[in-house]
């Protein structure tokens, strides 16, 4: 059953994020759908926000979840969306050790204040929270949605705390929550410091690709559009109160093996292109989760094969190299 009707209104918080912007782009393929996009930063260019091709159907509000919550709630009240999807978070893992309070301020405290207001809003039918498999710690198994939370980093602990908080709203306040945990998302338009675009950029610049821990950690790389399709299916057809995993459905790839694929696609020697460095603090050995619930209940499954997705990223960087070459390639933390 398709729940979308003409003029459906969806609010997306964290619209400048890689996953949030792709989700909006998918939403706007639906005729009649209108989006309220909320982000703390100004809108970036179409290089990173593909949904801007539909900009006439997007209402954008530059508001910070930590500092502008009253204005965010006022914008939501004016727009009155039936569905809200929250991508907003401090999401980088390694820097969370430097100022963990910033991660908890955004990912837990600000979210608690926002949802405490939203639980009283009659227009809200569904609230989709984008969580992370990192809440499980080392994911070898694969891990189902019933797994115990054992986070290994401040980032992961903040996301776990957020999920536990929201669960209390479901239990006691009938909050219309749906939660999604997707594995390692990649694709064109991603932040340039992430491993896939960073590898491509390093090769183009003739620089070594740094591999934390030699790239031995196993990740379940999944294309961003497959994740967006899963999030849309969860928003439309998921059971309120449920958690859904989105993953490629195999045992994952070591990071070094993914970088080796990029090297082959770009015609360079892997051993000459990489530089092993120390492992990140708290790095789990593997993130592999079971996504059978989403497959069985929602009919979802990923469709973009890894080499196809990597080639897409390479093509995106090649085609936009003049602009990408001028962009910052390292993460800069903002509180």
C-alpha atoms as a PDB file:
ATOM      1  CA  UNK A   1       0.000   0.000   0.000  1.00  0.00           C
ATOM      2  CA  UNK A   2       1.376   3.437  -0.959  1.00  0.00           C
ATOM      3  CA  UNK A   3       0.711   6.028   1.693  1.00  0.00           C
ATOM      4  CA  UNK A   4       1.916   9.029  -0.309  1.00  0.00           C
ATOM      5  CA  UNK A   5      -0.803  11.303  -1.667  1.00  0.00           C
ATOM      6  CA  UNK A   6      -0.619  14.552  -3.542  1.00  0.00           C
ATOM      7  CA  UNK A   7       0.730  17.499  -1.535  1.00  0.00           C
ATOM      8  CA  UNK A   8       2.156  15.261   1.217  1.00  0.00           C
ATOM      9  CA  UNK A   9       4.414  17.316   3.467  1.00  0.00           C
ATOM     10  CA  UNK A  10       7.622  15.905   4.915  1.00  0.00           C
ATOM     11  CA  UNK A  11      10.108  17.754   7.137  1.00  0.00           C
ATOM     12  CA  UNK A  12      13.756  16.702   6.982  1.00  0.00           C
ATOM     13  CA  UNK A  13      16.009  17.884   9.808  1.00  0.00           C
ATOM     14  CA  UNK A  14      19.687  17.738   8.886  1.00  0.00           C
ATOM     15  CA  UNK A  15      18.969  18.399   5.220  1.00  0.00           C
ATOM     16  CA  UNK A  16      22.578  19.377   4.394  1.00  0.00           C
ATOM     17  CA  UNK A  17      23.850  15.957   5.454  1.00  0.00           C
ATOM     18  CA  UNK A  18      24.881  13.468   2.770  1.00  0.00           C
ATOM     19  CA  UNK A  19      22.102  11.012   3.589  1.00  0.00           C
ATOM     20  CA  UNK A  20      19.524  13.719   4.301  1.00  0.00           C
ATOM     21  CA  UNK A  21      20.065  15.464   0.981  1.00  0.00           C
ATOM     22  CA  UNK A  22      19.815  12.211  -0.986  1.00  0.00           C
ATOM     23  CA  UNK A  23      16.626  11.300   0.872  1.00  0.00           C
ATOM     24  CA  UNK A  24      15.088  14.653  -0.088  1.00  0.00           C
ATOM     25  CA  UNK A  25      16.145  14.095  -3.697  1.00  0.00           C
ATOM     26  CA  UNK A  26      14.318  10.744  -3.678  1.00  0.00           C
ATOM     27  CA  UNK A  27      11.248  12.254  -2.002  1.00  0.00           C
ATOM     28  CA  UNK A  28      10.966  14.914  -4.672  1.00  0.00           C
ATOM     29  CA  UNK A  29      10.736  12.310  -7.399  1.00  0.00           C
ATOM     30  CA  UNK A  30       7.182  11.902  -6.043  1.00  0.00           C
ATOM     31  CA  UNK A  31       4.769  14.358  -7.696  1.00  0.00           C
ATOM     32  CA  UNK A  32       3.068  16.635  -5.175  1.00  0.00           C
ATOM     33  CA  UNK A  33       5.480  16.057  -2.323  1.00  0.00           C
ATOM     34  CA  UNK A  34       6.630  19.218  -0.526  1.00  0.00           C
ATOM     35  CA  UNK A  35       9.617  19.317   1.806  1.00  0.00           C
ATOM     36  CA  UNK A  36      10.658  21.535   4.680  1.00  0.00           C
ATOM     37  CA  UNK A  37      14.453  21.238   4.829  1.00  0.00           C
ATOM     38  CA  UNK A  38      16.153  22.325   8.070  1.00  0.00           C
ATOM     39  CA  UNK A  39      19.915  22.583   8.538  1.00  0.00           C
ATOM     40  CA  UNK A  40      22.238  24.611  10.730  1.00  0.00           C
ATOM     41  CA  UNK A  41      24.430  25.572   7.789  1.00  0.00           C
ATOM     42  CA  UNK A  42      23.552  27.540   4.673  1.00  0.00           C
ATOM     43  CA  UNK A  43      22.517  25.472   1.680  1.00  0.00           C
ATOM     44  CA  UNK A  44      25.499  24.131  -0.179  1.00  0.00           C
ATOM     45  CA  UNK A  45      25.771  23.901  -3.959  1.00  0.00           C
ATOM     46  CA  UNK A  46      24.185  21.264  -6.165  1.00  0.00           C
ATOM     47  CA  UNK A  47      27.549  19.478  -6.085  1.00  0.00           C
ATOM     48  CA  UNK A  48      26.625  18.249  -2.595  1.00  0.00           C
ATOM     49  CA  UNK A  49      22.841  18.790  -2.578  1.00  0.00           C
ATOM     50  CA  UNK A  50      21.365  17.047  -5.620  1.00  0.00           C
ATOM     51  CA  UNK A  51      17.809  17.833  -4.498  1.00  0.00           C
ATOM     52  CA  UNK A  52      18.320  21.469  -5.506  1.00  0.00           C
ATOM     53  CA  UNK A  53      17.186  20.456  -8.994  1.00  0.00           C
ATOM     54  CA  UNK A  54      13.718  20.570  -7.359  1.00  0.00           C
ATOM     55  CA  UNK A  55      14.389  23.701  -5.300  1.00  0.00           C
ATOM     56  CA  UNK A  56      10.968  25.212  -6.052  1.00  0.00           C
ATOM     57  CA  UNK A  57       9.349  22.454  -3.963  1.00  0.00           C
ATOM     58  CA  UNK A  58      11.681  22.816  -0.986  1.00  0.00           C
ATOM     59  CA  UNK A  59      11.211  25.305   1.817  1.00  0.00           C
ATOM     60  CA  UNK A  60      14.625  25.794   3.476  1.00  0.00           C
ATOM     61  CA  UNK A  61      15.218  27.060   7.025  1.00  0.00           C
ATOM     62  CA  UNK A  62      18.761  27.625   8.288  1.00  0.00           C
ATOM     63  CA  UNK A  63      18.336  26.768  11.963  1.00  0.00           C
ATOM     64  CA  UNK A  64      20.581  25.080  14.548  1.00  0.00           C
ATOM     65  CA  UNK A  65      19.070  22.250  16.584  1.00  0.00           C
ATOM     66  CA  UNK A  66      21.128  23.303  19.606  1.00  0.00           C
ATOM     67  CA  UNK A  67      20.432  27.035  19.511  1.00  0.00           C
ATOM     68  CA  UNK A  68      17.247  27.567  17.513  1.00  0.00           C
ATOM     69  CA  UNK A  69      14.822  24.946  18.794  1.00  0.00           C
ATOM     70  CA  UNK A  70      11.970  27.402  19.364  1.00  0.00           C
ATOM     71  CA  UNK A  71      12.279  28.604  15.769  1.00  0.00           C
ATOM     72  CA  UNK A  72      12.472  25.017  14.497  1.00  0.00           C
ATOM     73  CA  UNK A  73       9.259  24.116  16.297  1.00  0.00           C
ATOM     74  CA  UNK A  74       7.611  27.286  14.967  1.00  0.00           C
ATOM     75  CA  UNK A  75       8.647  26.361  11.397  1.00  0.00           C
ATOM     76  CA  UNK A  76       7.316  22.850  11.871  1.00  0.00           C
ATOM     77  CA  UNK A  77       4.037  24.177  13.260  1.00  0.00           C
ATOM     78  CA  UNK A  78       3.609  26.445  10.222  1.00  0.00           C
ATOM     79  CA  UNK A  79       4.433  23.626   7.794  1.00  0.00           C
ATOM     80  CA  UNK A  80       2.503  20.959   9.766  1.00  0.00           C
ATOM     81  CA  UNK A  81       4.241  17.907   8.295  1.00  0.00           C
ATOM     82  CA  UNK A  82       2.662  14.517   8.783  1.00  0.00           C
ATOM     83  CA  UNK A  83       6.113  12.949   8.736  1.00  0.00           C
ATOM     84  CA  UNK A  84       9.454  14.161  10.113  1.00  0.00           C
ATOM     85  CA  UNK A  85      12.801  12.483   9.406  1.00  0.00           C
ATOM     86  CA  UNK A  86      15.755  13.406  11.627  1.00  0.00           C
ATOM     87  CA  UNK A  87      19.248  13.138  10.155  1.00  0.00           C
ATOM     88  CA  UNK A  88      20.670  15.914  12.347  1.00  0.00           C
ATOM     89  CA  UNK A  89      23.617  14.750  14.441  1.00  0.00           C
ATOM     90  CA  UNK A  90      27.246  15.226  15.243  1.00  0.00           C
ATOM     91  CA  UNK A  91      28.228  12.215  13.174  1.00  0.00           C
ATOM     92  CA  UNK A  92      32.010  11.954  12.971  1.00  0.00           C
ATOM     93  CA  UNK A  93      33.400   9.195  15.174  1.00  0.00           C
ATOM     94  CA  UNK A  94      37.100   9.886  15.797  1.00  0.00           C
ATOM     95  CA  UNK A  95      36.679  13.597  16.766  1.00  0.00           C
ATOM     96  CA  UNK A  96      34.028  12.666  19.345  1.00  0.00           C
ATOM     97  CA  UNK A  97      36.871  11.781  21.729  1.00  0.00           C
ATOM     98  CA  UNK A  98      38.085  15.384  21.694  1.00  0.00           C
ATOM     99  CA  UNK A  99      34.847  17.056  22.850  1.00  0.00           C
ATOM    100  CA  UNK A 100      32.261  14.373  23.683  1.00  0.00           C
ATOM    101  CA  UNK A 101      30.000  16.960  25.288  1.00  0.00           C
ATOM    102  CA  UNK A 102      29.324  18.427  21.824  1.00  0.00           C
ATOM    103  CA  UNK A 103      28.104  15.053  20.583  1.00  0.00           C
ATOM    104  CA  UNK A 104      25.797  14.601  23.573  1.00  0.00           C
ATOM    105  CA  UNK A 105      24.509  18.173  23.327  1.00  0.00           C
ATOM    106  CA  UNK A 106      23.314  17.647  19.751  1.00  0.00           C
ATOM    107  CA  UNK A 107      22.565  13.944  19.602  1.00  0.00           C
ATOM    108  CA  UNK A 108      20.809  13.618  22.972  1.00  0.00           C
ATOM    109  CA  UNK A 109      19.972  16.872  24.775  1.00  0.00           C
ATOM    110  CA  UNK A 110      18.761  18.843  21.749  1.00  0.00           C
ATOM    111  CA  UNK A 111      16.849  15.841  20.458  1.00  0.00           C
ATOM    112  CA  UNK A 112      15.194  15.355  23.854  1.00  0.00           C
ATOM    113  CA  UNK A 113      14.036  18.970  23.910  1.00  0.00           C
ATOM    114  CA  UNK A 114      12.727  18.816  20.337  1.00  0.00           C
ATOM    115  CA  UNK A 115      10.818  15.539  20.655  1.00  0.00           C
ATOM    116  CA  UNK A 116       9.342  16.640  23.978  1.00  0.00           C
ATOM    117  CA  UNK A 117       7.650  19.427  22.016  1.00  0.00           C
ATOM    118  CA  UNK A 118       6.751  17.285  19.012  1.00  0.00           C
ATOM    119  CA  UNK A 119       5.037  14.570  21.050  1.00  0.00           C
ATOM    120  CA  UNK A 120       2.253  17.086  21.692  1.00  0.00           C
ATOM    121  CA  UNK A 121       1.764  18.042  18.026  1.00  0.00           C
ATOM    122  CA  UNK A 122      -1.450  16.607  16.514  1.00  0.00           C
ATOM    123  CA  UNK A 123      -0.153  16.848  12.942  1.00  0.00           C
ATOM    124  CA  UNK A 124       2.740  14.428  13.531  1.00  0.00           C
ATOM    125  CA  UNK A 125       1.949  10.900  12.337  1.00  0.00           C
ATOM    126  CA  UNK A 126       5.467   9.487  11.988  1.00  0.00           C
ATOM    127  CA  UNK A 127       8.931  10.476  13.248  1.00  0.00           C
ATOM    128  CA  UNK A 128      11.853   8.610  11.663  1.00  0.00           C
ATOM    129  CA  UNK A 129      15.079   8.692  13.692  1.00  0.00           C
ATOM    130  CA  UNK A 130      18.318   7.923  11.852  1.00  0.00           C
ATOM    131  CA  UNK A 131      20.473   5.975  14.285  1.00  0.00           C
ATOM    132  CA  UNK A 132      23.700   3.995  13.713  1.00  0.00           C
ATOM    133  CA  UNK A 133      24.905   0.368  13.998  1.00  0.00           C
ATOM    134  CA  UNK A 134      27.840   1.753  15.972  1.00  0.00           C
ATOM    135  CA  UNK A 135      25.583   1.582  19.028  1.00  0.00           C
ATOM    136  CA  UNK A 136      26.246  -2.184  19.054  1.00  0.00           C
ATOM    137  CA  UNK A 137      30.009  -1.881  19.297  1.00  0.00           C
ATOM    138  CA  UNK A 138      31.769  -4.664  17.448  1.00  0.00           C
ATOM    139  CA  UNK A 139      29.203  -6.070  14.979  1.00  0.00           C
ATOM    140  CA  UNK A 140      30.165  -9.598  14.027  1.00  0.00           C
ATOM    141  CA  UNK A 141      27.440 -12.120  13.602  1.00  0.00           C
ATOM    142  CA  UNK A 142      25.520 -10.680  11.801  1.00  0.00           C
ATOM    143  CA  UNK A 143      23.634  -8.641  14.379  1.00  0.00           C
ATOM    144  CA  UNK A 144      19.833  -8.392  14.516  1.00  0.00           C
ATOM    145  CA  UNK A 145      17.685  -5.523  15.781  1.00  0.00           C
ATOM    146  CA  UNK A 146      17.410  -7.291  19.171  1.00  0.00           C
ATOM    147  CA  UNK A 147      21.149  -7.031  19.871  1.00  0.00           C
ATOM    148  CA  UNK A 148      22.425  -5.438  23.087  1.00  0.00           C
ATOM    149  CA  UNK A 149      23.822  -1.894  22.928  1.00  0.00           C
ATOM    150  CA  UNK A 150      27.557  -1.813  23.759  1.00  0.00           C
ATOM    151  CA  UNK A 151      28.926   1.407  22.205  1.00  0.00           C
ATOM    152  CA  UNK A 152      32.705   1.853  21.947  1.00  0.00           C
ATOM    153  CA  UNK A 153      33.054   5.604  21.289  1.00  0.00           C
ATOM    154  CA  UNK A 154      31.478   8.838  22.557  1.00  0.00           C
ATOM    155  CA  UNK A 155      29.682   9.179  19.222  1.00  0.00           C
ATOM    156  CA  UNK A 156      28.212   5.691  19.498  1.00  0.00           C
ATOM    157  CA  UNK A 157      27.282   6.255  23.155  1.00  0.00           C
ATOM    158  CA  UNK A 158      25.429   9.458  22.242  1.00  0.00           C
ATOM    159  CA  UNK A 159      23.434   7.689  19.531  1.00  0.00           C
ATOM    160  CA  UNK A 160      22.608   4.826  21.893  1.00  0.00           C
ATOM    161  CA  UNK A 161      21.455   7.299  24.543  1.00  0.00           C
ATOM    162  CA  UNK A 162      19.228   9.013  21.981  1.00  0.00           C
ATOM    163  CA  UNK A 163      17.642   5.717  21.005  1.00  0.00           C
ATOM    164  CA  UNK A 164      16.954   4.794  24.634  1.00  0.00           C
ATOM    165  CA  UNK A 165      15.420   8.206  25.251  1.00  0.00           C
ATOM    166  CA  UNK A 166      13.101   7.935  22.257  1.00  0.00           C
ATOM    167  CA  UNK A 167      12.077   4.439  23.322  1.00  0.00           C
ATOM    168  CA  UNK A 168      10.655   5.916  26.546  1.00  0.00           C
ATOM    169  CA  UNK A 169       8.485   8.291  24.490  1.00  0.00           C
ATOM    170  CA  UNK A 170       7.147   5.344  22.522  1.00  0.00           C
ATOM    171  CA  UNK A 171       6.433   3.381  25.683  1.00  0.00           C
ATOM    172  CA  UNK A 172       4.748   6.081  27.725  1.00  0.00           C
ATOM    173  CA  UNK A 173       3.613   8.794  25.282  1.00  0.00           C
ATOM    174  CA  UNK A 174       2.613   6.881  22.130  1.00  0.00           C
ATOM    175  CA  UNK A 175       5.262   8.788  20.199  1.00  0.00           C
ATOM    176  CA  UNK A 176       5.074   7.654  16.530  1.00  0.00           C
ATOM    177  CA  UNK A 177       8.721   6.629  16.272  1.00  0.00           C
ATOM    178  CA  UNK A 178      10.406   4.518  13.618  1.00  0.00           C
ATOM    179  CA  UNK A 179      14.168   3.963  13.851  1.00  0.00           C
ATOM    180  CA  UNK A 180      16.639   3.075  11.117  1.00  0.00           C
ATOM    181  CA  UNK A 181      20.249   1.920  11.447  1.00  0.00           C
ATOM    182  CA  UNK A 182      22.087   1.720   8.128  1.00  0.00           C
ATOM    183  CA  UNK A 183      25.636   0.487   7.669  1.00  0.00           C
ATOM    184  CA  UNK A 184      28.482   2.385   5.987  1.00  0.00           C
ATOM    185  CA  UNK A 185      26.860   4.705   3.468  1.00  0.00           C
ATOM    186  CA  UNK A 186      28.781   5.935   0.426  1.00  0.00           C
ATOM    187  CA  UNK A 187      28.070   7.477  -2.973  1.00  0.00           C
ATOM    188  CA  UNK A 188      28.454  10.586  -5.102  1.00  0.00           C
ATOM    189  CA  UNK A 189      27.958  13.917  -3.289  1.00  0.00           C
ATOM    190  CA  UNK A 190      29.456  12.537  -0.032  1.00  0.00           C
ATOM    191  CA  UNK A 191      31.660  14.594   2.292  1.00  0.00           C
ATOM    192  CA  UNK A 192      35.129  14.590   0.757  1.00  0.00           C
ATOM    193  CA  UNK A 193      36.948  13.370   3.887  1.00  0.00           C
ATOM    194  CA  UNK A 194      35.054  10.051   3.916  1.00  0.00           C
ATOM    195  CA  UNK A 195      37.116   7.030   2.881  1.00  0.00           C
ATOM    196  CA  UNK A 196      35.669   6.457  -0.607  1.00  0.00           C
ATOM    197  CA  UNK A 197      35.903  10.019  -1.994  1.00  0.00           C
ATOM    198  CA  UNK A 198      39.112  10.608  -0.023  1.00  0.00           C
ATOM    199  CA  UNK A 199      40.747   7.617  -1.707  1.00  0.00           C
ATOM    200  CA  UNK A 200      39.773   8.879  -5.155  1.00  0.00           C
ATOM    201  CA  UNK A 201      40.965  12.414  -4.390  1.00  0.00           C
ATOM    202  CA  UNK A 202      44.273  11.172  -2.975  1.00  0.00           C
ATOM    203  CA  UNK A 203      44.945   9.130  -6.112  1.00  0.00           C
ATOM    204  CA  UNK A 204      44.177  12.119  -8.336  1.00  0.00           C
ATOM    205  CA  UNK A 205      46.522  14.290  -6.263  1.00  0.00           C
ATOM    206  CA  UNK A 206      49.288  11.688  -6.245  1.00  0.00           C
ATOM    207  CA  UNK A 207      49.108  11.381  -2.465  1.00  0.00           C
ATOM    208  CA  UNK A 208      49.131   8.281  -0.257  1.00  0.00           C
ATOM    209  CA  UNK A 209      45.762   7.096   1.040  1.00  0.00           C
ATOM    210  CA  UNK A 210      45.977   6.806   4.866  1.00  0.00           C
ATOM    211  CA  UNK A 211      44.571   3.487   6.098  1.00  0.00           C
ATOM    212  CA  UNK A 212      43.833   3.421   9.818  1.00  0.00           C
ATOM    213  CA  UNK A 213      44.999   0.107  11.250  1.00  0.00           C
ATOM    214  CA  UNK A 214      46.079  -0.886   7.773  1.00  0.00           C
ATOM    215  CA  UNK A 215      42.446  -0.920   6.678  1.00  0.00           C
ATOM    216  CA  UNK A 216      41.678  -4.222   8.424  1.00  0.00           C
ATOM    217  CA  UNK A 217      38.330  -3.094   9.920  1.00  0.00           C
ATOM    218  CA  UNK A 218      35.367  -4.681   8.127  1.00  0.00           C
ATOM    219  CA  UNK A 219      32.563  -2.396   6.947  1.00  0.00           C
ATOM    220  CA  UNK A 220      29.259  -3.101   5.192  1.00  0.00           C
ATOM    221  CA  UNK A 221      29.362  -0.490   2.446  1.00  0.00           C
ATOM    222  CA  UNK A 222      25.919   0.365   1.074  1.00  0.00           C
ATOM    223  CA  UNK A 223      25.005   2.892  -1.595  1.00  0.00           C
ATOM    224  CA  UNK A 224      23.225   6.015  -0.376  1.00  0.00           C
ATOM    225  CA  UNK A 225      20.286   5.595  -2.768  1.00  0.00           C
ATOM    226  CA  UNK A 226      19.640   2.081  -1.477  1.00  0.00           C
ATOM    227  CA  UNK A 227      19.565   3.545   2.033  1.00  0.00           C
ATOM    228  CA  UNK A 228      17.231   6.361   0.978  1.00  0.00           C
ATOM    229  CA  UNK A 229      14.852   3.856  -0.610  1.00  0.00           C
ATOM    230  CA  UNK A 230      14.901   1.870   2.623  1.00  0.00           C
ATOM    231  CA  UNK A 231      14.219   4.958   4.715  1.00  0.00           C
ATOM    232  CA  UNK A 232      11.317   5.868   2.454  1.00  0.00           C
ATOM    233  CA  UNK A 233       9.878   2.355   2.797  1.00  0.00           C
ATOM    234  CA  UNK A 234      10.239   2.575   6.584  1.00  0.00           C
ATOM    235  CA  UNK A 235       8.532   5.979   6.661  1.00  0.00           C
ATOM    236  CA  UNK A 236       5.670   4.780   4.460  1.00  0.00           C
ATOM    237  CA  UNK A 237       5.127   1.195   5.550  1.00  0.00           C
ATOM    238  CA  UNK A 238       7.146   0.509   8.696  1.00  0.00           C
ATOM    239  CA  UNK A 239       5.487  -0.451  11.969  1.00  0.00           C
ATOM    240  CA  UNK A 240       5.489   2.410  14.478  1.00  0.00           C
ATOM    241  CA  UNK A 241       7.777   1.610  17.390  1.00  0.00           C
ATOM    242  CA  UNK A 242       9.973  -0.705  15.297  1.00  0.00           C
ATOM    243  CA  UNK A 243      13.669  -0.584  14.488  1.00  0.00           C
ATOM    244  CA  UNK A 244      14.905  -1.519  11.013  1.00  0.00           C
ATOM    245  CA  UNK A 245      18.409  -2.311   9.776  1.00  0.00           C
ATOM    246  CA  UNK A 246      19.547  -1.477   6.255  1.00  0.00           C
ATOM    247  CA  UNK A 247      22.622  -3.394   5.081  1.00  0.00           C
ATOM    248  CA  UNK A 248      23.963  -5.068   1.934  1.00  0.00           C
ATOM    249  CA  UNK A 249      23.336  -8.536   3.365  1.00  0.00           C
ATOM    250  CA  UNK A 250      26.816 -10.059   3.267  1.00  0.00           C
ATOM    251  CA  UNK A 251      29.779 -10.270   5.614  1.00  0.00           C
ATOM    252  CA  UNK A 252      31.219  -6.921   4.567  1.00  0.00           C
ATOM    253  CA  UNK A 253      34.564  -5.838   3.149  1.00  0.00           C
ATOM    254  CA  UNK A 254      37.777  -4.820   4.851  1.00  0.00           C
ATOM    255  CA  UNK A 255      38.421  -1.130   4.173  1.00  0.00           C
ATOM    256  CA  UNK A 256      41.690  -2.036   2.439  1.00  0.00           C
ATOM    257  CA  UNK A 257      39.773  -4.267   0.013  1.00  0.00           C
ATOM    258  CA  UNK A 258      37.416  -1.419  -0.906  1.00  0.00           C
ATOM    259  CA  UNK A 259      40.375   0.899  -1.468  1.00  0.00           C
ATOM    260  CA  UNK A 260      42.011  -1.820  -3.582  1.00  0.00           C
ATOM    261  CA  UNK A 261      38.893  -1.894  -5.770  1.00  0.00           C
ATOM    262  CA  UNK A 262      39.127   1.891  -6.208  1.00  0.00           C
ATOM    263  CA  UNK A 263      42.786   1.554  -7.172  1.00  0.00           C
ATOM    264  CA  UNK A 264      41.944  -1.076  -9.797  1.00  0.00           C
ATOM    265  CA  UNK A 265      39.132   1.039 -11.219  1.00  0.00           C
ATOM    266  CA  UNK A 266      41.525   4.011 -11.476  1.00  0.00           C
ATOM    267  CA  UNK A 267      44.401   1.968 -12.874  1.00  0.00           C
ATOM    268  CA  UNK A 268      46.914   2.495 -10.043  1.00  0.00           C
ATOM    269  CA  UNK A 269      48.908   0.099  -7.875  1.00  0.00           C
ATOM    270  CA  UNK A 270      47.354  -0.454  -4.447  1.00  0.00           C
ATOM    271  CA  UNK A 271      50.598  -1.011  -2.502  1.00  0.00           C
ATOM    272  CA  UNK A 272      52.139   2.172  -3.872  1.00  0.00           C
ATOM    273  CA  UNK A 273      48.983   4.193  -3.211  1.00  0.00           C
ATOM    274  CA  UNK A 274      48.345   3.516   0.499  1.00  0.00           C
ATOM    275  CA  UNK A 275      50.000   4.285   3.815  1.00  0.00           C
ATOM    276  CA  UNK A 276      49.052   2.283   6.939  1.00  0.00           C
ATOM    277  CA  UNK A 277      48.652   4.471  10.041  1.00  0.00           C
ATOM    278  CA  UNK A 278      47.580   3.874  13.639  1.00  0.00           C
ATOM    279  CA  UNK A 279      44.067   2.608  14.230  1.00  0.00           C
ATOM    280  CA  UNK A 280      41.430   5.006  15.523  1.00  0.00           C
ATOM    281  CA  UNK A 281      40.667   4.889  19.248  1.00  0.00           C
ATOM    282  CA  UNK A 282      37.642   2.662  19.851  1.00  0.00           C
ATOM    283  CA  UNK A 283      37.502   1.320  16.293  1.00  0.00           C
ATOM    284  CA  UNK A 284      35.401  -1.833  16.232  1.00  0.00           C
ATOM    285  CA  UNK A 285      36.641  -4.756  14.170  1.00  0.00           C
ATOM    286  CA  UNK A 286      33.465  -5.076  12.118  1.00  0.00           C
ATOM    287  CA  UNK A 287      30.074  -3.547  11.388  1.00  0.00           C
ATOM    288  CA  UNK A 288      27.901  -6.269   9.872  1.00  0.00           C
ATOM    289  CA  UNK A 289      24.186  -6.249  10.661  1.00  0.00           C
ATOM    290  CA  UNK A 290      21.217  -8.352   9.597  1.00  0.00           C
ATOM    291  CA  UNK A 291      18.577  -6.564   7.477  1.00  0.00           C
ATOM    292  CA  UNK A 292      16.073  -9.399   7.069  1.00  0.00           C
ATOM    293  CA  UNK A 293      13.315  -7.459   8.863  1.00  0.00           C
ATOM    294  CA  UNK A 294      13.321  -4.661   6.270  1.00  0.00           C
ATOM    295  CA  UNK A 295      13.528  -7.180   3.461  1.00  0.00           C
ATOM    296  CA  UNK A 296      10.678  -9.355   4.735  1.00  0.00           C
ATOM    297  CA  UNK A 297       8.300  -6.658   6.006  1.00  0.00           C
ATOM    298  CA  UNK A 298       8.936  -3.877   3.504  1.00  0.00           C
ATOM    299  CA  UNK A 299      10.099  -5.706   0.396  1.00  0.00           C
ATOM    300  CA  UNK A 300      13.308  -3.669   0.435  1.00  0.00           C
ATOM    301  CA  UNK A 301      16.644  -4.840  -0.866  1.00  0.00           C
ATOM    302  CA  UNK A 302      19.777  -3.059  -2.090  1.00  0.00           C
ATOM    303  CA  UNK A 303      20.295  -2.824  -5.840  1.00  0.00           C
ATOM    304  CA  UNK A 304      23.615  -0.983  -6.362  1.00  0.00           C
ATOM    305  CA  UNK A 305      26.596  -3.349  -6.545  1.00  0.00           C
ATOM    306  CA  UNK A 306      29.798  -2.104  -4.891  1.00  0.00           C
ATOM    307  CA  UNK A 307      31.934  -1.713  -8.012  1.00  0.00           C
ATOM    308  CA  UNK A 308      29.085   0.142  -9.735  1.00  0.00           C
ATOM    309  CA  UNK A 309      28.765   2.536  -6.793  1.00  0.00           C
ATOM    310  CA  UNK A 310      32.517   3.115  -6.566  1.00  0.00           C
ATOM    311  CA  UNK A 311      32.687   3.858 -10.293  1.00  0.00           C
ATOM    312  CA  UNK A 312      29.876   6.375  -9.818  1.00  0.00           C
ATOM    313  CA  UNK A 313      31.895   8.196  -7.145  1.00  0.00           C
ATOM    314  CA  UNK A 314      34.986   8.223  -9.360  1.00  0.00           C
ATOM    315  CA  UNK A 315      32.971   9.643 -12.269  1.00  0.00           C
ATOM    316  CA  UNK A 316      31.404  12.317 -10.017  1.00  0.00           C
ATOM    317  CA  UNK A 317      34.830  13.462  -8.806  1.00  0.00           C
ATOM    318  CA  UNK A 318      36.322  13.381 -12.318  1.00  0.00           C
ATOM    319  CA  UNK A 319      33.437  15.388 -13.777  1.00  0.00           C
ATOM    320  CA  UNK A 320      33.545  17.975 -11.000  1.00  0.00           C
ATOM    321  CA  UNK A 321      37.275  17.983 -10.310  1.00  0.00           C
ATOM    322  CA  UNK A 322      37.745  21.688 -10.960  1.00  0.00           C
ATOM    323  CA  UNK A 323      35.371  22.509  -8.098  1.00  0.00           C
ATOM    324  CA  UNK A 324      36.178  19.516  -5.872  1.00  0.00           C
ATOM    325  CA  UNK A 325      39.888  20.275  -6.082  1.00  0.00           C
ATOM    326  CA  UNK A 326      39.189  23.646  -4.439  1.00  0.00           C
ATOM    327  CA  UNK A 327      37.000  22.264  -1.660  1.00  0.00           C
ATOM    328  CA  UNK A 328      38.379  21.426   1.822  1.00  0.00           C
ATOM    329  CA  UNK A 329      39.218  17.728   2.021  1.00  0.00           C
ATOM    330  CA  UNK A 330      39.561  17.413   5.796  1.00  0.00           C
ATOM    331  CA  UNK A 331      36.906  17.374   8.490  1.00  0.00           C
ATOM    332  CA  UNK A 332      36.599  20.607  10.512  1.00  0.00           C
ATOM    333  CA  UNK A 333      34.614  20.261  13.711  1.00  0.00           C
ATOM    334  CA  UNK A 334      31.819  22.719  14.507  1.00  0.00           C
ATOM    335  CA  UNK A 335      30.316  22.661  17.976  1.00  0.00           C
END
